[in-house]
Amino acid sequence: MADETIPYPAVDLAHLNQYTGGDVGVNSEVMQLFKAQAGEMLARLERSLAAADQPGWFSAAHTFKGASRGIGAFALADAIAGAEQFDLATQGALAQASLATLKARTGQVLAFIEAYPG
């Protein structure tokens, strides 16, 4: 599942445009902020999983989910929403597999951001 691609753009620009007025420069700025945050959120998830830190896992996933939805990265946000619910004490292997999917989906979003003309 980690190499799964989504059949539509990784970022829903129509959604993002509702908040930015369709300004390419503002879209680009918002997506660059997301790009900076995404790496930190993945790192927090990895640290939380390694330490079996349930509150840390939930907090990082919840924050990452909200940021993803904010820019219109709905496939990523949906994957995060599923991961957010894992109990690390009993579902650590599922959380690990989910983290691989999150990394792949994040990569798709970051590739979209890199290709964005802003």
PDB file of N, CA and C in Angstrom:
ATOM      1  N   MET A   1       0.808  -1.193   0.000  1.00  0.00           N
ATOM      2  CA  MET A   1       0.000   0.000   0.000  1.00  0.00           C
ATOM      3  C   MET A   1       0.853   1.258   0.000  1.00  0.00           C
ATOM      4  N   ALA A   2       2.095   1.182   0.403  1.00  0.00           N
ATOM      5  CA  ALA A   2       2.959   2.350   0.499  1.00  0.00           C
ATOM      6  C   ALA A   2       3.248   2.986  -0.861  1.00  0.00           C
ATOM      7  N   ASP A   3       3.210   2.225  -1.950  1.00  0.00           N
ATOM      8  CA  ASP A   3       3.499   2.779  -3.258  1.00  0.00           C
ATOM      9  C   ASP A   3       2.232   3.129  -4.038  1.00  0.00           C
ATOM     10  N   GLU A   4       1.118   3.109  -3.365  1.00  0.00           N
ATOM     11  CA  GLU A   4      -0.173   3.405  -3.976  1.00  0.00           C
ATOM     12  C   GLU A   4      -0.208   4.860  -4.452  1.00  0.00           C
ATOM     13  N   THR A   5      -0.663   5.056  -5.679  1.00  0.00           N
ATOM     14  CA  THR A   5      -0.811   6.407  -6.184  1.00  0.00           C
ATOM     15  C   THR A   5      -2.290   6.763  -6.216  1.00  0.00           C
ATOM     16  N   ILE A   6      -2.552   8.048  -6.138  1.00  0.00           N
ATOM     17  CA  ILE A   6      -3.932   8.496  -6.165  1.00  0.00           C
ATOM     18  C   ILE A   6      -4.292   8.906  -7.589  1.00  0.00           C
ATOM     19  N   PRO A   7      -5.522   8.649  -8.013  1.00  0.00           N
ATOM     20  CA  PRO A   7      -5.899   8.854  -9.413  1.00  0.00           C
ATOM     21  C   PRO A   7      -6.282  10.297  -9.759  1.00  0.00           C
ATOM     22  N   TYR A   8      -5.996  11.237  -8.880  1.00  0.00           N
ATOM     23  CA  TYR A   8      -6.347  12.635  -9.115  1.00  0.00           C
ATOM     24  C   TYR A   8      -5.260  13.488  -8.480  1.00  0.00           C
ATOM     25  N   PRO A   9      -5.256  14.782  -8.767  1.00  0.00           N
ATOM     26  CA  PRO A   9      -4.173  15.612  -8.216  1.00  0.00           C
ATOM     27  C   PRO A   9      -4.065  15.485  -6.694  1.00  0.00           C
ATOM     28  N   ALA A  10      -2.846  15.521  -6.214  1.00  0.00           N
ATOM     29  CA  ALA A  10      -2.586  15.351  -4.783  1.00  0.00           C
ATOM     30  C   ALA A  10      -3.113  16.511  -3.959  1.00  0.00           C
ATOM     31  N   VAL A  11      -3.319  17.655  -4.603  1.00  0.00           N
ATOM     32  CA  VAL A  11      -3.860  18.842  -3.928  1.00  0.00           C
ATOM     33  C   VAL A  11      -5.048  19.335  -4.738  1.00  0.00           C
ATOM     34  N   ASP A  12      -6.165  19.530  -4.073  1.00  0.00           N
ATOM     35  CA  ASP A  12      -7.375  20.052  -4.707  1.00  0.00           C
ATOM     36  C   ASP A  12      -7.270  21.571  -4.731  1.00  0.00           C
ATOM     37  N   LEU A  13      -6.839  22.113  -5.870  1.00  0.00           N
ATOM     38  CA  LEU A  13      -6.651  23.555  -5.967  1.00  0.00           C
ATOM     39  C   LEU A  13      -7.959  24.330  -5.850  1.00  0.00           C
ATOM     40  N   ALA A  14      -9.061  23.740  -6.272  1.00  0.00           N
ATOM     41  CA  ALA A  14     -10.347  24.424  -6.115  1.00  0.00           C
ATOM     42  C   ALA A  14     -10.628  24.675  -4.635  1.00  0.00           C
ATOM     43  N   HIS A  15     -10.299  23.711  -3.801  1.00  0.00           N
ATOM     44  CA  HIS A  15     -10.481  23.878  -2.360  1.00  0.00           C
ATOM     45  C   HIS A  15      -9.555  24.977  -1.838  1.00  0.00           C
ATOM     46  N   LEU A  16      -8.273  24.890  -2.188  1.00  0.00           N
ATOM     47  CA  LEU A  16      -7.311  25.883  -1.730  1.00  0.00           C
ATOM     48  C   LEU A  16      -7.690  27.278  -2.219  1.00  0.00           C
ATOM     49  N   ASN A  17      -8.156  27.370  -3.448  1.00  0.00           N
ATOM     50  CA  ASN A  17      -8.535  28.666  -4.022  1.00  0.00           C
ATOM     51  C   ASN A  17      -9.674  29.345  -3.271  1.00  0.00           C
ATOM     52  N   GLN A  18     -10.493  28.564  -2.590  1.00  0.00           N
ATOM     53  CA  GLN A  18     -11.571  29.155  -1.791  1.00  0.00           C
ATOM     54  C   GLN A  18     -11.012  30.063  -0.699  1.00  0.00           C
ATOM     55  N   TYR A  19      -9.810  29.750  -0.250  1.00  0.00           N
ATOM     56  CA  TYR A  19      -9.197  30.506   0.841  1.00  0.00           C
ATOM     57  C   TYR A  19      -8.193  31.537   0.357  1.00  0.00           C
ATOM     58  N   THR A  20      -7.686  31.347  -0.844  1.00  0.00           N
ATOM     59  CA  THR A  20      -6.638  32.234  -1.348  1.00  0.00           C
ATOM     60  C   THR A  20      -7.123  33.142  -2.468  1.00  0.00           C
ATOM     61  N   GLY A  21      -8.358  32.980  -2.874  1.00  0.00           N
ATOM     62  CA  GLY A  21      -8.875  33.763  -3.979  1.00  0.00           C
ATOM     63  C   GLY A  21      -8.262  33.370  -5.317  1.00  0.00           C
ATOM     64  N   GLY A  22      -7.599  32.228  -5.341  1.00  0.00           N
ATOM     65  CA  GLY A  22      -6.999  31.752  -6.579  1.00  0.00           C
ATOM     66  C   GLY A  22      -5.669  32.422  -6.908  1.00  0.00           C
ATOM     67  N   ASP A  23      -5.133  33.178  -5.993  1.00  0.00           N
ATOM     68  CA  ASP A  23      -3.849  33.855  -6.204  1.00  0.00           C
ATOM     69  C   ASP A  23      -2.723  32.816  -6.210  1.00  0.00           C
ATOM     70  N   VAL A  24      -2.054  32.682  -7.340  1.00  0.00           N
ATOM     71  CA  VAL A  24      -1.010  31.666  -7.501  1.00  0.00           C
ATOM     72  C   VAL A  24       0.103  31.866  -6.477  1.00  0.00           C
ATOM     73  N   GLY A  25       0.476  33.101  -6.227  1.00  0.00           N
ATOM     74  CA  GLY A  25       1.532  33.382  -5.257  1.00  0.00           C
ATOM     75  C   GLY A  25       1.150  32.981  -3.843  1.00  0.00           C
ATOM     76  N   VAL A  26      -0.088  33.275  -3.472  1.00  0.00           N
ATOM     77  CA  VAL A  26      -0.554  32.897  -2.132  1.00  0.00           C
ATOM     78  C   VAL A  26      -0.677  31.375  -2.036  1.00  0.00           C
ATOM     79  N   ASN A  27      -1.197  30.747  -3.095  1.00  0.00           N
ATOM     80  CA  ASN A  27      -1.263  29.276  -3.108  1.00  0.00           C
ATOM     81  C   ASN A  27       0.122  28.687  -2.879  1.00  0.00           C
ATOM     82  N   SER A  28       1.090  29.205  -3.602  1.00  0.00           N
ATOM     83  CA  SER A  28       2.454  28.707  -3.490  1.00  0.00           C
ATOM     84  C   SER A  28       2.997  28.905  -2.082  1.00  0.00           C
ATOM     85  N   GLU A  29       2.755  30.061  -1.506  1.00  0.00           N
ATOM     86  CA  GLU A  29       3.230  30.338  -0.148  1.00  0.00           C
ATOM     87  C   GLU A  29       2.609  29.380   0.867  1.00  0.00           C
ATOM     88  N   VAL A  30       1.310  29.160   0.763  1.00  0.00           N
ATOM     89  CA  VAL A  30       0.620  28.250   1.678  1.00  0.00           C
ATOM     90  C   VAL A  30       1.164  26.824   1.510  1.00  0.00           C
ATOM     91  N   MET A  31       1.357  26.412   0.273  1.00  0.00           N
ATOM     92  CA  MET A  31       1.868  25.059   0.045  1.00  0.00           C
ATOM     93  C   MET A  31       3.311  24.914   0.524  1.00  0.00           C
ATOM     94  N   GLN A  32       4.114  25.968   0.414  1.00  0.00           N
ATOM     95  CA  GLN A  32       5.479  25.907   0.930  1.00  0.00           C
ATOM     96  C   GLN A  32       5.483  25.793   2.453  1.00  0.00           C
ATOM     97  N   LEU A  33       4.546  26.458   3.109  1.00  0.00           N
ATOM     98  CA  LEU A  33       4.410  26.316   4.563  1.00  0.00           C
ATOM     99  C   LEU A  33       4.061  24.873   4.911  1.00  0.00           C
ATOM    100  N   PHE A  34       3.149  24.297   4.145  1.00  0.00           N
ATOM    101  CA  PHE A  34       2.788  22.892   4.364  1.00  0.00           C
ATOM    102  C   PHE A  34       4.006  22.006   4.169  1.00  0.00           C
ATOM    103  N   LYS A  35       4.761  22.261   3.121  1.00  0.00           N
ATOM    104  CA  LYS A  35       5.950  21.460   2.824  1.00  0.00           C
ATOM    105  C   LYS A  35       6.909  21.458   4.011  1.00  0.00           C
ATOM    106  N   ALA A  36       7.118  22.615   4.599  1.00  0.00           N
ATOM    107  CA  ALA A  36       8.008  22.712   5.757  1.00  0.00           C
ATOM    108  C   ALA A  36       7.445  21.931   6.943  1.00  0.00           C
ATOM    109  N   GLN A  37       6.154  22.003   7.142  1.00  0.00           N
ATOM    110  CA  GLN A  37       5.520  21.328   8.266  1.00  0.00           C
ATOM    111  C   GLN A  37       5.456  19.817   8.066  1.00  0.00           C
ATOM    112  N   ALA A  38       5.303  19.360   6.838  1.00  0.00           N
ATOM    113  CA  ALA A  38       5.117  17.936   6.571  1.00  0.00           C
ATOM    114  C   ALA A  38       6.292  17.095   7.063  1.00  0.00           C
ATOM    115  N   GLY A  39       7.487  17.552   6.807  1.00  0.00           N
ATOM    116  CA  GLY A  39       8.659  16.810   7.262  1.00  0.00           C
ATOM    117  C   GLY A  39       8.697  16.682   8.769  1.00  0.00           C
ATOM    118  N   GLU A  40       8.366  17.758   9.458  1.00  0.00           N
ATOM    119  CA  GLU A  40       8.354  17.719  10.922  1.00  0.00           C
ATOM    120  C   GLU A  40       7.251  16.794  11.435  1.00  0.00           C
ATOM    121  N   MET A  41       6.101  16.802  10.798  1.00  0.00           N
ATOM    122  CA  MET A  41       5.010  15.938  11.253  1.00  0.00           C
ATOM    123  C   MET A  41       5.366  14.466  11.061  1.00  0.00           C
ATOM    124  N   LEU A  42       5.977  14.123   9.941  1.00  0.00           N
ATOM    125  CA  LEU A  42       6.396  12.736   9.731  1.00  0.00           C
ATOM    126  C   LEU A  42       7.444  12.332  10.768  1.00  0.00           C
ATOM    127  N   ALA A  43       8.365  13.236  11.059  1.00  0.00           N
ATOM    128  CA  ALA A  43       9.394  12.942  12.068  1.00  0.00           C
ATOM    129  C   ALA A  43       8.757  12.748  13.443  1.00  0.00           C
ATOM    130  N   ARG A  44       7.778  13.565  13.780  1.00  0.00           N
ATOM    131  CA  ARG A  44       7.085  13.402  15.065  1.00  0.00           C
ATOM    132  C   ARG A  44       6.357  12.069  15.136  1.00  0.00           C
ATOM    133  N   LEU A  45       5.722  11.682  14.027  1.00  0.00           N
ATOM    134  CA  LEU A  45       5.044  10.389  13.999  1.00  0.00           C
ATOM    135  C   LEU A  45       6.043   9.253  14.189  1.00  0.00           C
ATOM    136  N   GLU A  46       7.175   9.328  13.507  1.00  0.00           N
ATOM    137  CA  GLU A  46       8.203   8.283  13.645  1.00  0.00           C
ATOM    138  C   GLU A  46       8.709   8.197  15.084  1.00  0.00           C
ATOM    139  N   ARG A  47       8.994   9.348  15.700  1.00  0.00           N
ATOM    140  CA  ARG A  47       9.479   9.356  17.084  1.00  0.00           C
ATOM    141  C   ARG A  47       8.416   8.797  18.031  1.00  0.00           C
ATOM    142  N   SER A  48       7.185   9.193  17.818  1.00  0.00           N
ATOM    143  CA  SER A  48       6.100   8.723  18.682  1.00  0.00           C
ATOM    144  C   SER A  48       5.907   7.221  18.553  1.00  0.00           C
ATOM    145  N   LEU A  49       5.984   6.712  17.340  1.00  0.00           N
ATOM    146  CA  LEU A  49       5.842   5.271  17.127  1.00  0.00           C
ATOM    147  C   LEU A  49       6.989   4.525  17.802  1.00  0.00           C
ATOM    148  N   ALA A  50       8.204   5.010  17.620  1.00  0.00           N
ATOM    149  CA  ALA A  50       9.377   4.347  18.210  1.00  0.00           C
ATOM    150  C   ALA A  50       9.297   4.321  19.737  1.00  0.00           C
ATOM    151  N   ALA A  51       8.733   5.365  20.326  1.00  0.00           N
ATOM    152  CA  ALA A  51       8.638   5.461  21.786  1.00  0.00           C
ATOM    153  C   ALA A  51       7.310   4.930  22.321  1.00  0.00           C
ATOM    154  N   ALA A  52       6.442   4.450  21.437  1.00  0.00           N
ATOM    155  CA  ALA A  52       5.088   4.039  21.822  1.00  0.00           C
ATOM    156  C   ALA A  52       4.384   5.145  22.597  1.00  0.00           C
ATOM    157  N   ASP A  53       4.568   6.376  22.112  1.00  0.00           N
ATOM    158  CA  ASP A  53       3.997   7.577  22.729  1.00  0.00           C
ATOM    159  C   ASP A  53       2.639   7.861  22.096  1.00  0.00           C
ATOM    160  N   GLN A  54       1.598   7.292  22.688  1.00  0.00           N
ATOM    161  CA  GLN A  54       0.250   7.430  22.132  1.00  0.00           C
ATOM    162  C   GLN A  54      -0.204   8.888  22.032  1.00  0.00           C
ATOM    163  N   PRO A  55      -0.077   9.695  23.096  1.00  0.00           N
ATOM    164  CA  PRO A  55      -0.507  11.092  22.958  1.00  0.00           C
ATOM    165  C   PRO A  55       0.282  11.845  21.883  1.00  0.00           C
ATOM    166  N   GLY A  56       1.579  11.569  21.778  1.00  0.00           N
ATOM    167  CA  GLY A  56       2.392  12.221  20.752  1.00  0.00           C
ATOM    168  C   GLY A  56       1.963  11.817  19.357  1.00  0.00           C
ATOM    169  N   TRP A  57       1.677  10.519  19.197  1.00  0.00           N
ATOM    170  CA  TRP A  57       1.200  10.002  17.904  1.00  0.00           C
ATOM    171  C   TRP A  57      -0.102  10.690  17.502  1.00  0.00           C
ATOM    172  N   PHE A  58      -1.050  10.723  18.436  1.00  0.00           N
ATOM    173  CA  PHE A  58      -2.345  11.322  18.129  1.00  0.00           C
ATOM    174  C   PHE A  58      -2.191  12.810  17.808  1.00  0.00           C
ATOM    175  N   SER A  59      -1.407  13.516  18.607  1.00  0.00           N
ATOM    176  CA  SER A  59      -1.226  14.954  18.404  1.00  0.00           C
ATOM    177  C   SER A  59      -0.601  15.246  17.042  1.00  0.00           C
ATOM    178  N   ALA A  60       0.456  14.521  16.700  1.00  0.00           N
ATOM    179  CA  ALA A  60       1.114  14.742  15.411  1.00  0.00           C
ATOM    180  C   ALA A  60       0.179  14.401  14.260  1.00  0.00           C
ATOM    181  N   ALA A  61      -0.518  13.286  14.365  1.00  0.00           N
ATOM    182  CA  ALA A  61      -1.438  12.880  13.300  1.00  0.00           C
ATOM    183  C   ALA A  61      -2.568  13.892  13.150  1.00  0.00           C
ATOM    184  N   HIS A  62      -3.105  14.341  14.264  1.00  0.00           N
ATOM    185  CA  HIS A  62      -4.218  15.290  14.212  1.00  0.00           C
ATOM    186  C   HIS A  62      -3.783  16.611  13.567  1.00  0.00           C
ATOM    187  N   THR A  63      -2.624  17.096  13.943  1.00  0.00           N
ATOM    188  CA  THR A  63      -2.103  18.337  13.369  1.00  0.00           C
ATOM    189  C   THR A  63      -1.842  18.178  11.877  1.00  0.00           C
ATOM    190  N   PHE A  64      -1.217  17.066  11.510  1.00  0.00           N
ATOM    191  CA  PHE A  64      -0.888  16.794  10.118  1.00  0.00           C
ATOM    192  C   PHE A  64      -2.153  16.643   9.278  1.00  0.00           C
ATOM    193  N   LYS A  65      -3.157  15.994   9.829  1.00  0.00           N
ATOM    194  CA  LYS A  65      -4.435  15.818   9.136  1.00  0.00           C
ATOM    195  C   LYS A  65      -5.069  17.178   8.845  1.00  0.00           C
ATOM    196  N   GLY A  66      -5.088  18.046   9.829  1.00  0.00           N
ATOM    197  CA  GLY A  66      -5.678  19.368   9.644  1.00  0.00           C
ATOM    198  C   GLY A  66      -4.933  20.197   8.609  1.00  0.00           C
ATOM    199  N   ALA A  67      -3.615  20.157   8.654  1.00  0.00           N
ATOM    200  CA  ALA A  67      -2.820  20.894   7.672  1.00  0.00           C
ATOM    201  C   ALA A  67      -3.065  20.352   6.263  1.00  0.00           C
ATOM    202  N   SER A  68      -3.171  19.039   6.147  1.00  0.00           N
ATOM    203  CA  SER A  68      -3.413  18.413   4.845  1.00  0.00           C
ATOM    204  C   SER A  68      -4.777  18.819   4.293  1.00  0.00           C
ATOM    205  N   ARG A  69      -5.771  18.768   5.137  1.00  0.00           N
ATOM    206  CA  ARG A  69      -7.108  19.186   4.686  1.00  0.00           C
ATOM    207  C   ARG A  69      -7.129  20.661   4.325  1.00  0.00           C
ATOM    208  N   GLY A  70      -6.374  21.447   5.049  1.00  0.00           N
ATOM    209  CA  GLY A  70      -6.343  22.885   4.802  1.00  0.00           C
ATOM    210  C   GLY A  70      -5.885  23.235   3.397  1.00  0.00           C
ATOM    211  N   ILE A  71      -4.923  22.488   2.864  1.00  0.00           N
ATOM    212  CA  ILE A  71      -4.457  22.790   1.508  1.00  0.00           C
ATOM    213  C   ILE A  71      -5.200  21.981   0.448  1.00  0.00           C
ATOM    214  N   GLY A  72      -6.062  21.086   0.878  1.00  0.00           N
ATOM    215  CA  GLY A  72      -6.809  20.272  -0.084  1.00  0.00           C
ATOM    216  C   GLY A  72      -6.125  18.966  -0.437  1.00  0.00           C
ATOM    217  N   ALA A  73      -5.214  18.495   0.418  1.00  0.00           N
ATOM    218  CA  ALA A  73      -4.554  17.196   0.196  1.00  0.00           C
ATOM    219  C   ALA A  73      -5.407  16.126   0.872  1.00  0.00           C
ATOM    220  N   PHE A  74      -6.557  15.861   0.283  1.00  0.00           N
ATOM    221  CA  PHE A  74      -7.566  15.029   0.935  1.00  0.00           C
ATOM    222  C   PHE A  74      -7.192  13.550   1.012  1.00  0.00           C
ATOM    223  N   ALA A  75      -6.522  13.009   0.009  1.00  0.00           N
ATOM    224  CA  ALA A  75      -6.116  11.599   0.075  1.00  0.00           C
ATOM    225  C   ALA A  75      -5.120  11.403   1.218  1.00  0.00           C
ATOM    226  N   LEU A  76      -4.203  12.340   1.370  1.00  0.00           N
ATOM    227  CA  LEU A  76      -3.255  12.276   2.477  1.00  0.00           C
ATOM    228  C   LEU A  76      -3.995  12.419   3.799  1.00  0.00           C
ATOM    229  N   ALA A  77      -4.885  13.383   3.895  1.00  0.00           N
ATOM    230  CA  ALA A  77      -5.639  13.613   5.132  1.00  0.00           C
ATOM    231  C   ALA A  77      -6.456  12.382   5.518  1.00  0.00           C
ATOM    232  N   ASP A  78      -7.051  11.729   4.547  1.00  0.00           N
ATOM    233  CA  ASP A  78      -7.838  10.528   4.841  1.00  0.00           C
ATOM    234  C   ASP A  78      -6.952   9.403   5.372  1.00  0.00           C
ATOM    235  N   ALA A  79      -5.766   9.264   4.785  1.00  0.00           N
ATOM    236  CA  ALA A  79      -4.835   8.241   5.273  1.00  0.00           C
ATOM    237  C   ALA A  79      -4.386   8.562   6.696  1.00  0.00           C
ATOM    238  N   ILE A  80      -4.158   9.830   6.970  1.00  0.00           N
ATOM    239  CA  ILE A  80      -3.754  10.242   8.319  1.00  0.00           C
ATOM    240  C   ILE A  80      -4.888   9.987   9.309  1.00  0.00           C
ATOM    241  N   ALA A  81      -6.113  10.265   8.900  1.00  0.00           N
ATOM    242  CA  ALA A  81      -7.269  10.046   9.784  1.00  0.00           C
ATOM    243  C   ALA A  81      -7.349   8.583  10.210  1.00  0.00           C
ATOM    244  N   GLY A  82      -7.047   7.674   9.299  1.00  0.00           N
ATOM    245  CA  GLY A  82      -7.031   6.258   9.652  1.00  0.00           C
ATOM    246  C   GLY A  82      -5.907   5.939  10.621  1.00  0.00           C
ATOM    247  N   ALA A  83      -4.733   6.506  10.375  1.00  0.00           N
ATOM    248  CA  ALA A  83      -3.564   6.249  11.232  1.00  0.00           C
ATOM    249  C   ALA A  83      -3.742   6.843  12.622  1.00  0.00           C
ATOM    250  N   GLU A  84      -4.429   7.939  12.687  1.00  0.00           N
ATOM    251  CA  GLU A  84      -4.635   8.658  13.947  1.00  0.00           C
ATOM    252  C   GLU A  84      -5.285   7.766  15.008  1.00  0.00           C
ATOM    253  N   GLN A  85      -6.075   6.814  14.578  1.00  0.00           N
ATOM    254  CA  GLN A  85      -6.856   5.991  15.493  1.00  0.00           C
ATOM    255  C   GLN A  85      -6.116   4.769  16.040  1.00  0.00           C
ATOM    256  N   PHE A  86      -4.926   4.478  15.522  1.00  0.00           N
ATOM    257  CA  PHE A  86      -4.219   3.277  15.975  1.00  0.00           C
ATOM    258  C   PHE A  86      -3.792   3.382  17.436  1.00  0.00           C
ATOM    259  N   ASP A  87      -3.958   2.283  18.136  1.00  0.00           N
ATOM    260  CA  ASP A  87      -3.458   2.136  19.503  1.00  0.00           C
ATOM    261  C   ASP A  87      -2.055   1.552  19.381  1.00  0.00           C
ATOM    262  N   LEU A  88      -1.059   2.348  19.694  1.00  0.00           N
ATOM    263  CA  LEU A  88       0.320   1.914  19.488  1.00  0.00           C
ATOM    264  C   LEU A  88       0.690   0.710  20.336  1.00  0.00           C
ATOM    265  N   ALA A  89       0.025   0.538  21.463  1.00  0.00           N
ATOM    266  CA  ALA A  89       0.339  -0.600  22.339  1.00  0.00           C
ATOM    267  C   ALA A  89      -0.085  -1.925  21.718  1.00  0.00           C
ATOM    268  N   THR A  90      -1.149  -1.919  20.929  1.00  0.00           N
ATOM    269  CA  THR A  90      -1.656  -3.172  20.362  1.00  0.00           C
ATOM    270  C   THR A  90      -1.626  -3.207  18.841  1.00  0.00           C
ATOM    271  N   GLN A  91      -1.432  -2.055  18.201  1.00  0.00           N
ATOM    272  CA  GLN A  91      -1.478  -1.987  16.740  1.00  0.00           C
ATOM    273  C   GLN A  91      -0.213  -1.345  16.154  1.00  0.00           C
ATOM    274  N   GLY A  92       0.894  -1.569  16.809  1.00  0.00           N
ATOM    275  CA  GLY A  92       2.152  -0.980  16.362  1.00  0.00           C
ATOM    276  C   GLY A  92       2.529  -1.355  14.941  1.00  0.00           C
ATOM    277  N   ALA A  93       2.313  -2.609  14.564  1.00  0.00           N
ATOM    278  CA  ALA A  93       2.648  -3.044  13.206  1.00  0.00           C
ATOM    279  C   ALA A  93       1.765  -2.349  12.172  1.00  0.00           C
ATOM    280  N   LEU A  94       0.500  -2.187  12.505  1.00  0.00           N
ATOM    281  CA  LEU A  94      -0.397  -1.470  11.596  1.00  0.00           C
ATOM    282  C   LEU A  94       0.008  -0.008  11.486  1.00  0.00           C
ATOM    283  N   ALA A  95       0.382   0.584  12.604  1.00  0.00           N
ATOM    284  CA  ALA A  95       0.830   1.975  12.595  1.00  0.00           C
ATOM    285  C   ALA A  95       2.087   2.124  11.745  1.00  0.00           C
ATOM    286  N   GLN A  96       3.004   1.150  11.844  1.00  0.00           N
ATOM    287  CA  GLN A  96       4.237   1.192  11.042  1.00  0.00           C
ATOM    288  C   GLN A  96       3.901   1.126   9.559  1.00  0.00           C
ATOM    289  N   ALA A  97       3.019   0.235   9.174  1.00  0.00           N
ATOM    290  CA  ALA A  97       2.617   0.119   7.771  1.00  0.00           C
ATOM    291  C   ALA A  97       1.910   1.391   7.309  1.00  0.00           C
ATOM    292  N   SER A  98       1.098   1.937   8.184  1.00  0.00           N
ATOM    293  CA  SER A  98       0.389   3.170   7.863  1.00  0.00           C
ATOM    294  C   SER A  98       1.370   4.325   7.663  1.00  0.00           C
ATOM    295  N   LEU A  99       2.408   4.358   8.457  1.00  0.00           N
ATOM    296  CA  LEU A  99       3.414   5.410   8.330  1.00  0.00           C
ATOM    297  C   LEU A  99       4.081   5.350   6.949  1.00  0.00           C
ATOM    298  N   ALA A 100       4.299   4.153   6.440  1.00  0.00           N
ATOM    299  CA  ALA A 100       4.860   4.012   5.096  1.00  0.00           C
ATOM    300  C   ALA A 100       3.910   4.600   4.052  1.00  0.00           C
ATOM    301  N   THR A 101       2.625   4.370   4.219  1.00  0.00           N
ATOM    302  CA  THR A 101       1.632   4.935   3.307  1.00  0.00           C
ATOM    303  C   THR A 101       1.626   6.454   3.417  1.00  0.00           C
ATOM    304  N   LEU A 102       1.703   6.961   4.643  1.00  0.00           N
ATOM    305  CA  LEU A 102       1.716   8.416   4.835  1.00  0.00           C
ATOM    306  C   LEU A 102       2.925   9.043   4.158  1.00  0.00           C
ATOM    307  N   LYS A 103       4.065   8.393   4.248  1.00  0.00           N
ATOM    308  CA  LYS A 103       5.269   8.915   3.596  1.00  0.00           C
ATOM    309  C   LYS A 103       5.089   8.953   2.081  1.00  0.00           C
ATOM    310  N   ALA A 104       4.500   7.903   1.526  1.00  0.00           N
ATOM    311  CA  ALA A 104       4.276   7.853   0.078  1.00  0.00           C
ATOM    312  C   ALA A 104       3.295   8.936  -0.357  1.00  0.00           C
ATOM    313  N   ARG A 105       2.211   9.070   0.360  1.00  0.00           N
ATOM    314  CA  ARG A 105       1.224  10.096   0.005  1.00  0.00           C
ATOM    315  C   ARG A 105       1.792  11.498   0.203  1.00  0.00           C
ATOM    316  N   THR A 106       2.581  11.675   1.244  1.00  0.00           N
ATOM    317  CA  THR A 106       3.221  12.968   1.458  1.00  0.00           C
ATOM    318  C   THR A 106       4.155  13.271   0.289  1.00  0.00           C
ATOM    319  N   GLY A 107       4.866  12.264  -0.182  1.00  0.00           N
ATOM    320  CA  GLY A 107       5.738  12.445  -1.337  1.00  0.00           C
ATOM    321  C   GLY A 107       4.971  12.904  -2.566  1.00  0.00           C
ATOM    322  N   GLN A 108       3.780  12.377  -2.760  1.00  0.00           N
ATOM    323  CA  GLN A 108       2.952  12.791  -3.892  1.00  0.00           C
ATOM    324  C   GLN A 108       2.530  14.253  -3.749  1.00  0.00           C
ATOM    325  N   VAL A 109       2.174  14.651  -2.532  1.00  0.00           N
ATOM    326  CA  VAL A 109       1.785  16.042  -2.293  1.00  0.00           C
ATOM    327  C   VAL A 109       2.980  16.961  -2.514  1.00  0.00           C
ATOM    328  N   LEU A 110       4.135  16.566  -2.000  1.00  0.00           N
ATOM    329  CA  LEU A 110       5.332  17.400  -2.161  1.00  0.00           C
ATOM    330  C   LEU A 110       5.746  17.505  -3.627  1.00  0.00           C
ATOM    331  N   ALA A 111       5.575  16.443  -4.393  1.00  0.00           N
ATOM    332  CA  ALA A 111       5.866  16.503  -5.821  1.00  0.00           C
ATOM    333  C   ALA A 111       4.917  17.475  -6.522  1.00  0.00           C
ATOM    334  N   PHE A 112       3.654  17.465  -6.131  1.00  0.00           N
ATOM    335  CA  PHE A 112       2.679  18.407  -6.681  1.00  0.00           C
ATOM    336  C   PHE A 112       3.112  19.836  -6.361  1.00  0.00           C
ATOM    337  N   ILE A 113       3.512  20.061  -5.114  1.00  0.00           N
ATOM    338  CA  ILE A 113       3.933  21.396  -4.680  1.00  0.00           C
ATOM    339  C   ILE A 113       5.157  21.848  -5.489  1.00  0.00           C
ATOM    340  N   GLU A 114       6.108  20.947  -5.681  1.00  0.00           N
ATOM    341  CA  GLU A 114       7.316  21.289  -6.447  1.00  0.00           C
ATOM    342  C   GLU A 114       6.983  21.669  -7.889  1.00  0.00           C
ATOM    343  N   ALA A 115       5.979  21.031  -8.455  1.00  0.00           N
ATOM    344  CA  ALA A 115       5.602  21.285  -9.840  1.00  0.00           C
ATOM    345  C   ALA A 115       4.676  22.498  -9.983  1.00  0.00           C
ATOM    346  N   TYR A 116       4.169  23.006  -8.888  1.00  0.00           N
ATOM    347  CA  TYR A 116       3.224  24.120  -8.942  1.00  0.00           C
ATOM    348  C   TYR A 116       3.934  25.360  -9.498  1.00  0.00           C
ATOM    349  N   PRO A 117       3.278  26.089 -10.392  1.00  0.00           N
ATOM    350  CA  PRO A 117       3.957  27.186 -11.084  1.00  0.00           C
ATOM    351  C   PRO A 117       4.264  28.421 -10.234  1.00  0.00           C
ATOM    352  N   GLY A 118       3.753  28.505  -9.042  1.00  0.00           N
ATOM    353  CA  GLY A 118       3.957  29.715  -8.212  1.00  0.00           C
ATOM    354  C   GLY A 118       5.318  29.794  -7.729  1.00  0.00           C
TER     355      GLY A 118
END
